[in-house]
N, C-alpha and C. Protein backbone atom coordinates (compact mmCIF):
# COMPACT_ATOMS: atom_id res chain seq x y z
N MET A 1 4.12 -2.45 12.90
CA MET A 1 4.87 -3.70 12.81
C MET A 1 5.04 -4.14 11.36
N ILE A 2 3.95 -4.07 10.59
CA ILE A 2 4.00 -4.40 9.17
C ILE A 2 3.54 -3.18 8.39
N GLY A 3 4.38 -2.72 7.47
CA GLY A 3 4.02 -1.57 6.66
C GLY A 3 5.06 -1.37 5.57
N GLY A 4 4.67 -0.69 4.50
CA GLY A 4 5.59 -0.44 3.40
C GLY A 4 5.67 -1.61 2.45
N LEU A 5 6.85 -1.83 1.91
CA LEU A 5 7.06 -2.90 0.93
C LEU A 5 7.27 -4.23 1.63
N TYR A 6 6.37 -5.16 1.35
CA TYR A 6 6.39 -6.50 1.92
C TYR A 6 6.81 -7.44 0.78
N ALA A 7 8.07 -7.87 0.79
CA ALA A 7 8.64 -8.66 -0.30
C ALA A 7 8.41 -10.14 -0.07
N ILE A 8 7.83 -10.81 -1.07
CA ILE A 8 7.59 -12.26 -1.00
C ILE A 8 8.50 -12.95 -1.99
N THR A 9 9.27 -13.91 -1.53
CA THR A 9 10.29 -14.53 -2.36
C THR A 9 9.70 -15.40 -3.46
N ARG A 10 10.48 -15.54 -4.54
CA ARG A 10 10.15 -16.51 -5.59
C ARG A 10 10.74 -17.86 -5.22
N GLU A 11 10.08 -18.92 -5.69
CA GLU A 11 10.56 -20.27 -5.40
C GLU A 11 11.75 -20.60 -6.29
N THR A 12 12.83 -21.08 -5.69
CA THR A 12 14.02 -21.44 -6.45
C THR A 12 14.85 -22.44 -5.65
N ASP A 13 15.62 -23.26 -6.37
CA ASP A 13 16.56 -24.15 -5.68
C ASP A 13 17.96 -23.54 -5.61
N ASP A 14 18.10 -22.32 -6.13
CA ASP A 14 19.38 -21.61 -6.12
C ASP A 14 19.41 -20.67 -4.92
N THR A 15 19.91 -21.18 -3.81
CA THR A 15 19.88 -20.40 -2.57
C THR A 15 20.72 -19.13 -2.67
N ALA A 16 21.86 -19.21 -3.32
CA ALA A 16 22.71 -18.03 -3.47
C ALA A 16 21.99 -16.92 -4.23
N GLN A 17 21.29 -17.31 -5.31
CA GLN A 17 20.53 -16.33 -6.07
C GLN A 17 19.38 -15.74 -5.25
N LEU A 18 18.71 -16.59 -4.50
CA LEU A 18 17.64 -16.13 -3.61
C LEU A 18 18.15 -15.07 -2.64
N LEU A 19 19.29 -15.32 -2.05
CA LEU A 19 19.86 -14.38 -1.09
C LEU A 19 20.27 -13.08 -1.76
N ARG A 20 20.80 -13.16 -2.98
CA ARG A 20 21.16 -11.94 -3.71
C ARG A 20 19.93 -11.10 -4.00
N GLU A 21 18.86 -11.76 -4.42
CA GLU A 21 17.64 -11.03 -4.75
C GLU A 21 17.05 -10.36 -3.51
N VAL A 22 16.97 -11.09 -2.42
CA VAL A 22 16.39 -10.53 -1.20
C VAL A 22 17.29 -9.42 -0.64
N SER A 23 18.59 -9.60 -0.74
CA SER A 23 19.51 -8.54 -0.29
C SER A 23 19.27 -7.25 -1.07
N ALA A 24 19.07 -7.38 -2.37
CA ALA A 24 18.81 -6.19 -3.19
C ALA A 24 17.49 -5.53 -2.77
N ALA A 25 16.47 -6.33 -2.50
CA ALA A 25 15.20 -5.78 -2.06
C ALA A 25 15.33 -5.07 -0.71
N LEU A 26 16.08 -5.65 0.19
CA LEU A 26 16.31 -5.03 1.49
C LEU A 26 17.09 -3.72 1.36
N ASN A 27 18.08 -3.73 0.52
CA ASN A 27 18.86 -2.51 0.30
C ASN A 27 18.01 -1.41 -0.33
N GLY A 28 16.97 -1.81 -1.07
CA GLY A 28 16.09 -0.84 -1.69
C GLY A 28 14.98 -0.34 -0.77
N GLY A 29 14.81 -0.98 0.38
CA GLY A 29 13.84 -0.46 1.33
C GLY A 29 12.72 -1.40 1.71
N ALA A 30 12.79 -2.69 1.37
CA ALA A 30 11.78 -3.64 1.81
C ALA A 30 11.74 -3.66 3.34
N SER A 31 10.53 -3.63 3.89
CA SER A 31 10.39 -3.54 5.34
C SER A 31 9.97 -4.86 5.98
N ALA A 32 9.66 -5.86 5.14
CA ALA A 32 9.35 -7.21 5.62
C ALA A 32 9.62 -8.17 4.48
N VAL A 33 10.01 -9.40 4.82
CA VAL A 33 10.26 -10.45 3.82
C VAL A 33 9.46 -11.68 4.21
N GLN A 34 8.77 -12.24 3.22
CA GLN A 34 8.08 -13.51 3.43
C GLN A 34 8.74 -14.58 2.57
N TYR A 35 9.13 -15.67 3.22
CA TYR A 35 9.71 -16.80 2.49
C TYR A 35 8.58 -17.72 2.06
N ARG A 36 8.47 -17.89 0.74
CA ARG A 36 7.39 -18.71 0.17
C ARG A 36 8.01 -19.81 -0.70
N ASP A 37 7.79 -21.06 -0.31
CA ASP A 37 8.32 -22.18 -1.07
C ASP A 37 7.35 -23.34 -0.96
N LYS A 38 6.76 -23.73 -2.10
CA LYS A 38 5.75 -24.78 -2.13
C LYS A 38 6.33 -26.11 -2.61
N SER A 39 7.66 -26.24 -2.65
CA SER A 39 8.29 -27.42 -3.25
C SER A 39 8.08 -28.69 -2.45
N GLY A 40 7.91 -28.56 -1.15
CA GLY A 40 7.83 -29.75 -0.30
C GLY A 40 9.20 -30.30 0.07
N ASP A 41 10.27 -29.64 -0.36
CA ASP A 41 11.63 -30.07 -0.06
C ASP A 41 12.02 -29.50 1.30
N ALA A 42 11.87 -30.30 2.35
CA ALA A 42 12.07 -29.82 3.72
C ALA A 42 13.49 -29.36 3.98
N ALA A 43 14.47 -30.07 3.42
CA ALA A 43 15.87 -29.69 3.62
C ALA A 43 16.15 -28.34 2.99
N ARG A 44 15.69 -28.14 1.75
CA ARG A 44 15.89 -26.86 1.08
C ARG A 44 15.18 -25.73 1.82
N GLN A 45 13.97 -25.98 2.24
CA GLN A 45 13.21 -24.95 2.95
C GLN A 45 13.92 -24.54 4.25
N HIS A 46 14.43 -25.51 4.96
CA HIS A 46 15.13 -25.20 6.22
C HIS A 46 16.39 -24.40 5.95
N GLU A 47 17.16 -24.82 4.95
CA GLU A 47 18.39 -24.10 4.62
C GLU A 47 18.09 -22.67 4.19
N GLN A 48 17.16 -22.51 3.28
CA GLN A 48 16.89 -21.18 2.75
C GLN A 48 16.28 -20.27 3.81
N ALA A 49 15.35 -20.78 4.59
CA ALA A 49 14.75 -19.96 5.64
C ALA A 49 15.78 -19.53 6.67
N SER A 50 16.68 -20.43 7.02
CA SER A 50 17.73 -20.10 7.99
C SER A 50 18.66 -19.02 7.46
N GLU A 51 19.05 -19.15 6.20
CA GLU A 51 19.93 -18.15 5.59
C GLU A 51 19.23 -16.80 5.47
N LEU A 52 17.97 -16.83 5.07
CA LEU A 52 17.22 -15.59 4.94
C LEU A 52 17.03 -14.91 6.29
N LEU A 53 16.84 -15.70 7.32
CA LEU A 53 16.67 -15.12 8.66
C LEU A 53 17.92 -14.35 9.07
N MET A 54 19.08 -14.91 8.83
CA MET A 54 20.32 -14.21 9.16
C MET A 54 20.45 -12.92 8.36
N LEU A 55 20.10 -12.98 7.07
CA LEU A 55 20.15 -11.78 6.23
C LEU A 55 19.19 -10.72 6.73
N CYS A 56 17.98 -11.12 7.03
CA CYS A 56 16.99 -10.15 7.52
C CYS A 56 17.38 -9.56 8.87
N ARG A 57 17.98 -10.37 9.71
CA ARG A 57 18.45 -9.87 11.01
C ARG A 57 19.45 -8.73 10.82
N ARG A 58 20.33 -8.86 9.83
CA ARG A 58 21.33 -7.81 9.59
C ARG A 58 20.68 -6.50 9.17
N HIS A 59 19.50 -6.59 8.59
CA HIS A 59 18.80 -5.39 8.15
C HIS A 59 17.70 -4.97 9.13
N ALA A 60 17.57 -5.69 10.24
CA ALA A 60 16.53 -5.41 11.24
C ALA A 60 15.14 -5.43 10.61
N VAL A 61 14.91 -6.42 9.74
CA VAL A 61 13.64 -6.59 9.04
C VAL A 61 13.09 -7.97 9.38
N PRO A 62 11.79 -8.08 9.65
CA PRO A 62 11.24 -9.40 10.02
C PRO A 62 11.17 -10.36 8.85
N LEU A 63 11.45 -11.63 9.13
CA LEU A 63 11.26 -12.72 8.18
C LEU A 63 10.03 -13.50 8.61
N ILE A 64 9.08 -13.60 7.68
CA ILE A 64 7.84 -14.31 7.93
C ILE A 64 7.78 -15.52 7.00
N ILE A 65 7.37 -16.64 7.52
CA ILE A 65 7.30 -17.88 6.74
C ILE A 65 5.88 -18.08 6.22
N ASN A 66 5.76 -18.34 4.93
CA ASN A 66 4.45 -18.59 4.33
C ASN A 66 3.98 -20.01 4.64
N ASP A 67 2.79 -20.10 5.16
CA ASP A 67 2.05 -21.36 5.33
C ASP A 67 2.54 -22.30 6.42
N SER A 68 3.85 -22.39 6.65
CA SER A 68 4.37 -23.47 7.49
C SER A 68 4.68 -23.00 8.91
N LEU A 69 3.77 -23.28 9.81
CA LEU A 69 4.00 -22.96 11.22
C LEU A 69 5.18 -23.76 11.75
N ARG A 70 5.31 -24.99 11.31
CA ARG A 70 6.41 -25.84 11.76
C ARG A 70 7.76 -25.25 11.38
N LEU A 71 7.90 -24.81 10.12
CA LEU A 71 9.16 -24.23 9.67
C LEU A 71 9.46 -22.94 10.40
N ALA A 72 8.45 -22.11 10.60
CA ALA A 72 8.65 -20.84 11.31
C ALA A 72 9.17 -21.09 12.72
N ASP A 73 8.60 -22.08 13.39
CA ASP A 73 9.04 -22.41 14.75
C ASP A 73 10.43 -23.02 14.74
N LEU A 74 10.68 -23.89 13.77
CA LEU A 74 11.95 -24.62 13.71
C LEU A 74 13.14 -23.69 13.53
N VAL A 75 13.02 -22.70 12.63
CA VAL A 75 14.16 -21.82 12.35
C VAL A 75 14.17 -20.58 13.22
N GLY A 76 13.11 -20.37 14.00
CA GLY A 76 13.05 -19.18 14.85
C GLY A 76 12.73 -17.92 14.08
N ALA A 77 11.92 -18.05 13.02
CA ALA A 77 11.54 -16.89 12.21
C ALA A 77 10.71 -15.91 13.03
N ASP A 78 10.55 -14.71 12.47
CA ASP A 78 9.83 -13.66 13.20
C ASP A 78 8.32 -13.83 13.15
N GLY A 79 7.86 -14.72 12.27
CA GLY A 79 6.43 -14.92 12.21
C GLY A 79 6.02 -15.90 11.14
N VAL A 80 4.71 -16.04 10.98
CA VAL A 80 4.14 -16.96 9.99
C VAL A 80 2.96 -16.27 9.33
N HIS A 81 2.75 -16.60 8.06
CA HIS A 81 1.56 -16.13 7.35
C HIS A 81 0.68 -17.32 7.03
N LEU A 82 -0.58 -17.25 7.44
CA LEU A 82 -1.50 -18.38 7.34
C LEU A 82 -2.56 -18.13 6.27
N GLY A 83 -2.76 -19.13 5.41
CA GLY A 83 -3.88 -19.12 4.48
C GLY A 83 -5.08 -19.80 5.10
N CYS A 84 -6.13 -20.00 4.30
CA CYS A 84 -7.37 -20.54 4.86
C CYS A 84 -7.21 -21.99 5.33
N ASP A 85 -6.21 -22.71 4.81
CA ASP A 85 -6.05 -24.12 5.17
C ASP A 85 -4.80 -24.38 6.00
N ASP A 86 -4.24 -23.33 6.58
CA ASP A 86 -2.94 -23.46 7.24
C ASP A 86 -2.99 -23.46 8.77
N GLY A 87 -4.17 -23.60 9.34
CA GLY A 87 -4.26 -23.66 10.79
C GLY A 87 -4.83 -22.39 11.38
N ALA A 88 -5.13 -22.45 12.68
CA ALA A 88 -5.78 -21.35 13.37
C ALA A 88 -4.78 -20.39 13.98
N VAL A 89 -5.19 -19.14 14.11
CA VAL A 89 -4.34 -18.12 14.73
C VAL A 89 -4.02 -18.51 16.17
N ARG A 90 -5.01 -19.01 16.89
CA ARG A 90 -4.77 -19.35 18.30
C ARG A 90 -3.71 -20.44 18.44
N GLU A 91 -3.75 -21.42 17.56
CA GLU A 91 -2.73 -22.48 17.58
C GLU A 91 -1.35 -21.91 17.30
N ALA A 92 -1.28 -21.04 16.29
CA ALA A 92 0.00 -20.43 15.95
C ALA A 92 0.53 -19.59 17.10
N ARG A 93 -0.36 -18.89 17.80
CA ARG A 93 0.08 -18.06 18.92
C ARG A 93 0.62 -18.92 20.05
N ILE A 94 -0.01 -20.04 20.31
CA ILE A 94 0.47 -20.93 21.36
C ILE A 94 1.88 -21.42 21.04
N ILE A 95 2.11 -21.77 19.77
CA ILE A 95 3.39 -22.34 19.38
C ILE A 95 4.48 -21.26 19.28
N LEU A 96 4.14 -20.12 18.69
CA LEU A 96 5.16 -19.09 18.43
C LEU A 96 5.34 -18.12 19.59
N GLY A 97 4.33 -17.97 20.44
CA GLY A 97 4.44 -17.04 21.55
C GLY A 97 3.91 -15.66 21.20
N ALA A 98 3.91 -14.80 22.20
CA ALA A 98 3.25 -13.50 22.08
C ALA A 98 4.00 -12.50 21.21
N GLN A 99 5.31 -12.65 21.09
CA GLN A 99 6.11 -11.62 20.45
C GLN A 99 6.24 -11.78 18.94
N ARG A 100 5.91 -12.93 18.40
CA ARG A 100 6.13 -13.14 16.97
C ARG A 100 4.87 -12.80 16.17
N ILE A 101 5.07 -12.58 14.89
CA ILE A 101 4.04 -12.01 14.02
C ILE A 101 3.20 -13.12 13.39
N ILE A 102 1.89 -12.92 13.40
CA ILE A 102 0.98 -13.84 12.72
C ILE A 102 0.12 -13.04 11.75
N GLY A 103 0.24 -13.37 10.47
CA GLY A 103 -0.57 -12.74 9.45
C GLY A 103 -1.55 -13.73 8.87
N VAL A 104 -2.66 -13.22 8.34
CA VAL A 104 -3.72 -14.10 7.84
C VAL A 104 -4.21 -13.59 6.49
N SER A 105 -4.32 -14.49 5.52
CA SER A 105 -4.94 -14.17 4.24
C SER A 105 -6.45 -14.13 4.41
N CYS A 106 -7.04 -13.01 4.00
CA CYS A 106 -8.49 -12.85 4.13
C CYS A 106 -9.16 -12.67 2.77
N TYR A 107 -8.37 -12.76 1.71
CA TYR A 107 -8.88 -12.80 0.34
C TYR A 107 -9.75 -11.58 0.04
N GLN A 108 -11.07 -11.77 -0.13
CA GLN A 108 -11.97 -10.65 -0.41
C GLN A 108 -12.98 -10.47 0.73
N SER A 109 -12.65 -10.97 1.92
CA SER A 109 -13.63 -11.05 3.00
C SER A 109 -13.28 -10.18 4.21
N LEU A 110 -14.09 -9.17 4.44
CA LEU A 110 -13.94 -8.37 5.65
C LEU A 110 -14.29 -9.19 6.89
N GLU A 111 -15.24 -10.12 6.74
CA GLU A 111 -15.63 -10.96 7.87
C GLU A 111 -14.46 -11.82 8.35
N LEU A 112 -13.71 -12.38 7.41
CA LEU A 112 -12.53 -13.16 7.80
C LEU A 112 -11.51 -12.28 8.52
N ALA A 113 -11.36 -11.06 8.06
CA ALA A 113 -10.41 -10.15 8.68
C ALA A 113 -10.83 -9.79 10.10
N LEU A 114 -12.10 -9.56 10.30
CA LEU A 114 -12.59 -9.25 11.65
C LEU A 114 -12.39 -10.44 12.58
N ALA A 115 -12.62 -11.65 12.05
CA ALA A 115 -12.41 -12.85 12.85
C ALA A 115 -10.93 -13.03 13.19
N ALA A 116 -10.06 -12.75 12.21
CA ALA A 116 -8.61 -12.86 12.46
C ALA A 116 -8.18 -11.87 13.52
N GLN A 117 -8.70 -10.66 13.45
CA GLN A 117 -8.38 -9.66 14.47
C GLN A 117 -8.85 -10.12 15.85
N GLU A 118 -10.03 -10.68 15.90
CA GLU A 118 -10.60 -11.12 17.17
C GLU A 118 -9.77 -12.24 17.80
N THR A 119 -9.20 -13.10 16.98
CA THR A 119 -8.43 -14.23 17.51
C THR A 119 -6.95 -13.92 17.71
N GLY A 120 -6.53 -12.67 17.42
CA GLY A 120 -5.18 -12.27 17.78
C GLY A 120 -4.18 -12.15 16.66
N ALA A 121 -4.63 -12.05 15.40
CA ALA A 121 -3.69 -11.85 14.28
C ALA A 121 -3.01 -10.48 14.42
N ASP A 122 -1.83 -10.38 13.84
CA ASP A 122 -1.08 -9.12 13.88
C ASP A 122 -1.28 -8.29 12.62
N TYR A 123 -1.66 -8.92 11.52
CA TYR A 123 -2.03 -8.21 10.31
C TYR A 123 -2.89 -9.11 9.45
N VAL A 124 -3.60 -8.50 8.49
CA VAL A 124 -4.40 -9.26 7.54
C VAL A 124 -4.02 -8.86 6.12
N ALA A 125 -4.25 -9.76 5.18
CA ALA A 125 -3.95 -9.49 3.77
C ALA A 125 -5.19 -9.72 2.93
N PHE A 126 -5.43 -8.78 2.00
CA PHE A 126 -6.52 -8.90 1.04
C PHE A 126 -5.96 -8.97 -0.38
N GLY A 127 -6.68 -9.64 -1.26
CA GLY A 127 -6.28 -9.71 -2.66
C GLY A 127 -7.08 -10.79 -3.38
N SER A 128 -6.89 -10.93 -4.65
CA SER A 128 -5.92 -10.26 -5.52
C SER A 128 -6.54 -8.98 -6.10
N PHE A 129 -5.77 -7.90 -6.11
CA PHE A 129 -6.30 -6.64 -6.58
C PHE A 129 -6.16 -6.46 -8.09
N TYR A 130 -5.15 -7.08 -8.67
CA TYR A 130 -4.93 -7.00 -10.11
C TYR A 130 -4.59 -8.41 -10.62
N PRO A 131 -4.62 -8.62 -11.94
CA PRO A 131 -4.21 -9.92 -12.47
C PRO A 131 -2.80 -10.29 -12.00
N SER A 132 -2.64 -11.52 -11.57
CA SER A 132 -1.38 -11.97 -10.98
C SER A 132 -0.84 -13.18 -11.70
N THR A 133 0.46 -13.17 -11.98
CA THR A 133 1.08 -14.35 -12.59
C THR A 133 1.22 -15.49 -11.60
N THR A 134 1.32 -15.17 -10.31
CA THR A 134 1.45 -16.21 -9.29
C THR A 134 0.14 -16.98 -9.11
N LYS A 135 -0.98 -16.24 -9.08
CA LYS A 135 -2.30 -16.87 -8.94
C LYS A 135 -3.24 -16.24 -9.97
N PRO A 136 -3.11 -16.63 -11.24
CA PRO A 136 -3.85 -15.96 -12.31
C PRO A 136 -5.37 -16.09 -12.20
N ASP A 137 -5.86 -17.12 -11.52
CA ASP A 137 -7.30 -17.34 -11.43
C ASP A 137 -7.90 -16.84 -10.13
N ALA A 138 -7.10 -16.15 -9.33
CA ALA A 138 -7.59 -15.69 -8.03
C ALA A 138 -8.71 -14.67 -8.21
N PRO A 139 -9.78 -14.76 -7.41
CA PRO A 139 -10.84 -13.75 -7.45
C PRO A 139 -10.29 -12.37 -7.08
N ARG A 140 -10.97 -11.34 -7.54
CA ARG A 140 -10.50 -9.97 -7.34
C ARG A 140 -11.06 -9.35 -6.06
N ALA A 141 -10.22 -8.60 -5.38
CA ALA A 141 -10.65 -7.69 -4.32
C ALA A 141 -10.68 -6.29 -4.93
N ASN A 142 -11.25 -5.32 -4.21
CA ASN A 142 -11.31 -3.97 -4.74
C ASN A 142 -10.99 -2.93 -3.67
N ARG A 143 -10.86 -1.69 -4.11
CA ARG A 143 -10.48 -0.61 -3.20
C ARG A 143 -11.52 -0.36 -2.13
N VAL A 144 -12.78 -0.59 -2.45
CA VAL A 144 -13.84 -0.39 -1.46
C VAL A 144 -13.59 -1.26 -0.22
N LEU A 145 -13.14 -2.48 -0.46
CA LEU A 145 -12.84 -3.38 0.65
C LEU A 145 -11.75 -2.78 1.55
N LEU A 146 -10.72 -2.22 0.94
CA LEU A 146 -9.66 -1.58 1.73
C LEU A 146 -10.20 -0.41 2.54
N GLN A 147 -11.05 0.38 1.94
CA GLN A 147 -11.63 1.53 2.64
C GLN A 147 -12.48 1.07 3.82
N GLN A 148 -13.28 0.03 3.59
CA GLN A 148 -14.11 -0.49 4.68
C GLN A 148 -13.25 -1.08 5.78
N ALA A 149 -12.24 -1.85 5.39
CA ALA A 149 -11.39 -2.51 6.38
C ALA A 149 -10.62 -1.50 7.22
N SER A 150 -10.09 -0.47 6.59
CA SER A 150 -9.32 0.53 7.33
C SER A 150 -10.17 1.28 8.33
N GLY A 151 -11.49 1.27 8.12
CA GLY A 151 -12.38 1.95 9.05
C GLY A 151 -12.75 1.14 10.28
N VAL A 152 -12.57 -0.19 10.21
CA VAL A 152 -13.02 -1.03 11.33
C VAL A 152 -11.91 -1.89 11.94
N LEU A 153 -10.78 -2.02 11.27
CA LEU A 153 -9.70 -2.85 11.79
C LEU A 153 -8.68 -2.01 12.54
N GLN A 154 -8.12 -2.57 13.59
CA GLN A 154 -7.06 -1.90 14.35
C GLN A 154 -5.72 -2.60 14.18
N LEU A 155 -5.51 -3.19 13.01
CA LEU A 155 -4.24 -3.85 12.72
C LEU A 155 -3.88 -3.59 11.27
N PRO A 156 -2.61 -3.75 10.91
CA PRO A 156 -2.16 -3.41 9.56
C PRO A 156 -2.86 -4.22 8.48
N ILE A 157 -3.06 -3.57 7.33
CA ILE A 157 -3.71 -4.18 6.18
C ILE A 157 -2.70 -4.29 5.05
N VAL A 158 -2.57 -5.49 4.50
CA VAL A 158 -1.65 -5.75 3.39
C VAL A 158 -2.47 -6.02 2.13
N ALA A 159 -2.09 -5.38 1.04
CA ALA A 159 -2.71 -5.63 -0.26
C ALA A 159 -1.76 -6.47 -1.09
N ILE A 160 -2.32 -7.42 -1.86
CA ILE A 160 -1.49 -8.32 -2.65
C ILE A 160 -2.19 -8.66 -3.96
N GLY A 161 -1.40 -9.01 -4.97
CA GLY A 161 -1.95 -9.51 -6.21
C GLY A 161 -1.75 -8.59 -7.38
N GLY A 162 -0.70 -8.85 -8.19
CA GLY A 162 -0.48 -8.11 -9.41
C GLY A 162 -0.09 -6.66 -9.23
N ILE A 163 0.41 -6.32 -8.07
CA ILE A 163 0.70 -4.91 -7.76
C ILE A 163 2.08 -4.52 -8.29
N THR A 164 2.15 -3.34 -8.90
CA THR A 164 3.39 -2.79 -9.45
C THR A 164 3.59 -1.39 -8.90
N PRO A 165 4.76 -0.80 -9.12
CA PRO A 165 4.94 0.60 -8.69
C PRO A 165 3.96 1.56 -9.36
N ASP A 166 3.43 1.16 -10.51
CA ASP A 166 2.54 2.05 -11.26
C ASP A 166 1.08 1.94 -10.84
N ASN A 167 0.68 0.83 -10.21
CA ASN A 167 -0.73 0.71 -9.81
C ASN A 167 -0.93 0.59 -8.31
N ALA A 168 0.13 0.76 -7.53
CA ALA A 168 0.03 0.57 -6.08
C ALA A 168 -0.59 1.76 -5.36
N GLU A 169 -0.38 2.95 -5.88
CA GLU A 169 -0.76 4.15 -5.14
C GLU A 169 -2.25 4.20 -4.77
N PRO A 170 -3.17 3.85 -5.68
CA PRO A 170 -4.59 3.88 -5.29
C PRO A 170 -4.91 2.94 -4.12
N LEU A 171 -4.19 1.85 -4.00
CA LEU A 171 -4.43 0.91 -2.91
C LEU A 171 -3.93 1.49 -1.59
N ILE A 172 -2.81 2.16 -1.64
CA ILE A 172 -2.28 2.81 -0.44
C ILE A 172 -3.23 3.92 0.01
N GLU A 173 -3.72 4.69 -0.94
CA GLU A 173 -4.66 5.77 -0.62
C GLU A 173 -5.96 5.22 -0.04
N ALA A 174 -6.35 4.02 -0.47
CA ALA A 174 -7.59 3.41 0.01
C ALA A 174 -7.45 2.78 1.39
N GLY A 175 -6.22 2.62 1.88
CA GLY A 175 -6.05 2.10 3.23
C GLY A 175 -5.03 1.00 3.42
N ALA A 176 -4.36 0.57 2.36
CA ALA A 176 -3.33 -0.47 2.52
C ALA A 176 -2.11 0.10 3.26
N ASP A 177 -1.73 -0.58 4.32
CA ASP A 177 -0.52 -0.18 5.07
C ASP A 177 0.73 -0.77 4.47
N ALA A 178 0.57 -1.86 3.73
CA ALA A 178 1.71 -2.54 3.11
C ALA A 178 1.28 -3.10 1.77
N ILE A 179 2.24 -3.24 0.87
CA ILE A 179 2.03 -3.81 -0.44
C ILE A 179 2.89 -5.06 -0.55
N ALA A 180 2.26 -6.22 -0.77
CA ALA A 180 3.01 -7.47 -0.90
C ALA A 180 3.25 -7.77 -2.38
N VAL A 181 4.50 -8.03 -2.72
CA VAL A 181 4.88 -8.15 -4.12
C VAL A 181 5.84 -9.33 -4.31
N ILE A 182 5.64 -10.04 -5.43
CA ILE A 182 6.58 -11.09 -5.83
C ILE A 182 7.23 -10.70 -7.16
N GLU A 183 6.51 -10.94 -8.25
CA GLU A 183 7.11 -10.80 -9.58
C GLU A 183 7.47 -9.36 -9.94
N ALA A 184 6.65 -8.40 -9.56
CA ALA A 184 6.94 -7.01 -9.90
C ALA A 184 8.23 -6.53 -9.26
N LEU A 185 8.63 -7.21 -8.20
CA LEU A 185 9.88 -6.88 -7.52
C LEU A 185 11.01 -7.80 -7.99
N PHE A 186 10.85 -9.10 -7.77
CA PHE A 186 11.95 -10.02 -8.04
C PHE A 186 12.10 -10.39 -9.51
N GLY A 187 11.11 -10.03 -10.31
CA GLY A 187 11.24 -10.21 -11.75
C GLY A 187 11.72 -8.96 -12.45
N ALA A 188 11.99 -7.90 -11.71
CA ALA A 188 12.43 -6.63 -12.29
C ALA A 188 13.91 -6.69 -12.66
N PRO A 189 14.33 -5.97 -13.70
CA PRO A 189 15.75 -5.95 -14.07
C PRO A 189 16.65 -5.41 -12.97
N ASP A 190 16.14 -4.44 -12.20
CA ASP A 190 16.90 -3.85 -11.10
C ASP A 190 16.04 -3.95 -9.84
N ILE A 191 16.28 -4.98 -9.05
CA ILE A 191 15.45 -5.23 -7.87
C ILE A 191 15.57 -4.12 -6.86
N GLN A 192 16.78 -3.65 -6.61
CA GLN A 192 16.98 -2.60 -5.60
C GLN A 192 16.26 -1.31 -5.99
N ALA A 193 16.37 -0.91 -7.24
CA ALA A 193 15.71 0.31 -7.70
C ALA A 193 14.19 0.17 -7.65
N THR A 194 13.69 -1.01 -7.98
CA THR A 194 12.25 -1.25 -7.94
C THR A 194 11.74 -1.23 -6.50
N ALA A 195 12.49 -1.83 -5.59
CA ALA A 195 12.13 -1.78 -4.18
C ALA A 195 12.08 -0.34 -3.69
N ARG A 196 13.02 0.46 -4.15
CA ARG A 196 13.05 1.86 -3.74
C ARG A 196 11.81 2.60 -4.25
N ARG A 197 11.38 2.28 -5.47
CA ARG A 197 10.18 2.92 -6.01
C ARG A 197 8.95 2.58 -5.17
N PHE A 198 8.83 1.32 -4.78
CA PHE A 198 7.72 0.92 -3.90
C PHE A 198 7.81 1.65 -2.56
N ALA A 199 8.98 1.64 -1.96
CA ALA A 199 9.15 2.25 -0.64
C ALA A 199 8.84 3.74 -0.67
N GLU A 200 9.20 4.40 -1.75
CA GLU A 200 8.97 5.85 -1.86
C GLU A 200 7.49 6.19 -1.94
N LEU A 201 6.66 5.25 -2.40
CA LEU A 201 5.22 5.50 -2.44
C LEU A 201 4.67 5.72 -1.03
N PHE A 202 5.22 5.01 -0.07
CA PHE A 202 4.75 5.16 1.30
C PHE A 202 5.28 6.44 1.94
N ILE A 203 6.48 6.83 1.57
CA ILE A 203 7.02 8.10 2.05
C ILE A 203 6.17 9.24 1.55
N ALA A 204 5.79 9.18 0.26
CA ALA A 204 4.97 10.24 -0.32
C ALA A 204 3.61 10.30 0.34
N GLU A 205 3.02 9.13 0.65
CA GLU A 205 1.73 9.09 1.30
C GLU A 205 1.78 9.71 2.69
N THR A 206 2.87 9.43 3.44
CA THR A 206 3.04 10.01 4.76
C THR A 206 3.16 11.52 4.69
N GLU A 207 3.90 12.00 3.70
CA GLU A 207 4.11 13.44 3.55
C GLU A 207 2.83 14.16 3.17
N ASP A 208 1.96 13.47 2.40
CA ASP A 208 0.68 14.07 2.02
C ASP A 208 -0.26 14.18 3.22
């Protein structure tokens, strides 16, 4: 359900630019998109999420909403991603139903991931693996955590935090099913080509 390049949007009030960037990422091979907007502007969030959902539908790629269960339900998104303060998996499942995706941030904790799996999450995310411009002070996760998690979890594992096409491969080898990226993708001069580089890492791993 979740695997490969997991593209997380940058916050912007330029909806047209946002759609161009995400379109380029999708054309390059992004297999999931997460809409992330911390502005608190409900009208903008609704407009952008709705537009992104239509774009993702055309590419048969899921749109997941960061943090906001209400927004995910309101626009009919494919799922929601929950942080430690964003509500319980069981509550999200009741609201969104059985078919939609629920992801959970587990930071550096295998225990949180096991609990998320037990309560019905569809994937978990660990990080930050490298220095990140989005969350520069975030504590570090390591490859050992990915190796341990891949041995005991029966759901996809997402790695996040400062990941680039040049440092992603060790994380994939350690057990990451997906790589979540913001700046290394949407800050790149050629978003489509960069997305393709990320996507090709998973093709190479499958072939190996």
